[in-house]
Amino acid sequence: MREKFKFKYILWAAIVLQLIVDGFVIGKLIGMNVVPVLYLVIMIVCLIAVNVLTFFSSRKLWAGIVMLIISLAMSAVMIYGFDVINKADSTVNNVSQDSDKQVTEMVIVVLDDSEVQEISDLKEFLVGYLNDSDIEASQSMLDQIKEAAGDISAAEFGGITEAVNALYDKTINALVMNKAYIAVLAETEEYSDFEQRIKQIYSSEIVRYINIIPEQETNLDAFIVYFTGIDTFGGVTATSRSDVNILAVVNTKTRHIQLINTPRDYYVELPNSGGTKDKLTHAGIYGVDNSIGALEMLYGIDVDYYVRINFSGFEQIIDALGGIDVYSEYDFTVEPIKHYTVGINHLSGIEALAFARERYSFAEGDVARGKNQMAVITALIQELSSPEILYNYTSVLNSISQSFQTNMQSENIYALVKRALSSSKGWTVDSYSVAGEGAYAETYSIPGMEVYVMRPDMSDVNEAKAKIEAVLSEN
């Protein structure tokens, strides 16, 4: 009798523990507003039922033992679930908290044979800088030089080629520039060896904040997301060329996604270019807001959100998923990574990156690369919306938290997850890529010389506009 009396209190203690744990989990889910009401009701009813059964089972020893085991197991599951929910919440907050932060790496370069080795050696030297969109960052760098070296002279240039020529002929002793320009110059024949002819003696990350949060509340029934991939490894907030430029037009009511790819070399007007056209990829040098603005002007749309990822983040997410199954329209090889065949290819992170970046194997060049990039995004959507993701949730959350940046606020992300959970219907993903005609033209980023561009085929652009409008207006 005494043992039964003691066991009753053990059961009651288990009930109290489960009530506390259940309260934390339910409260967290309600606060996040991520689970449909029906699911919450079912969960609460089940938890109450277990606690009631546990309480009344204390009258019989063996029934009580069984319910004690069930109660403790459920408490363990709920504690584990609370940890999962907290990690998910932390990840969502992390990827959206720096949505307005852009980091520009500014460098000071001198000729490779210069005696200048460090910033303090520039005393009484003539330092060049560009009067462009990075003017504030350049002024910050000049202030840092003055602090380290004392008196210097500064020379202003209107374009990168003019400044580089001045460095080559030793009119200036050093040049302050956005590091991203090094990759831009490598695209040209005249300056392709620029990186080999200079040395970097100093670098500094200049942070600026941009406003790209939608001014009006976005309709989550239908919206547009800009997916951009930058050509760097490391921090995702760094400004660099935008090598991936894909619009995802999402209709959550019909569960239809239309992907629109715009080639990196598309010759378009940039918001900061004053009417001068440039390659779309160069827009990323001046910040993701410029890339978004260029596409908005091209298609006559308003982009609601963006998702920004770099090379290292791309690899990490795919590896965390255990790889993805990507459909290839082509048979080709990227040495020394992989041979890809027509049909489904299971790809690791580095294999998917090579698949998405390759363009020289195709007659269509960048257009074919865009199709491959959309195939990768389609595979990612399918993988991320499958139940199997739960097996890798820890590694997926860890990789996502450091791998991409978005201006979609956490409440909207949770609202979309809630909608997804409310329906078992799958997603339809369609792809379309605009094309154009190759040409050579002067650009905003490299004035004074002609570089390869792709002049837009306006019939393709108009077709893309129609597809965008069609998905947004579906019911």
Foldseek 3Di string as FASTA:
>chain_A
DVVLVVLLVVLVVLLVLLVVLVVLLLVLCVVLVQADPVVSVVVVVVNVVLSVQLNVLSVPDVSNVVSSVVSVVVSVVSVVVSVLSVLLLLLQCLQAVCQFKAKFKKFKKAFPPDPDQALQVQAQFEEEEEPALCVVVQVVVVVVSCVRHNDYHYDYDHADVVVVVCRVVVVGGMYIDGPQVLVVLCQDPVRVCVVVGMDTRDIDIDMDGDDDADPDDDDPQKAKEWEWEFADDDAQNYQHFTQWTWIWIAGLVVQETEIETEGQQEWWDWPRLVPFTGGLRCLSNSHPVRNQRRVCVLQVDHHNKYKYFYLVLQQQLQVLLVFWWFAACDFADDPPQDTDDHGIDTDHSVRLSSQLPDFPVDPQGRQNSNVSVLRVVVRVVVSVLDPSVVVSSVSNSVSSSRTMHMNDHSSSVSVSSNSSNVDPDHHHYHYDYWFAQWDWDAGSNHHPGTGIGGHTDVVSSVVVSVVSVVSRPDD
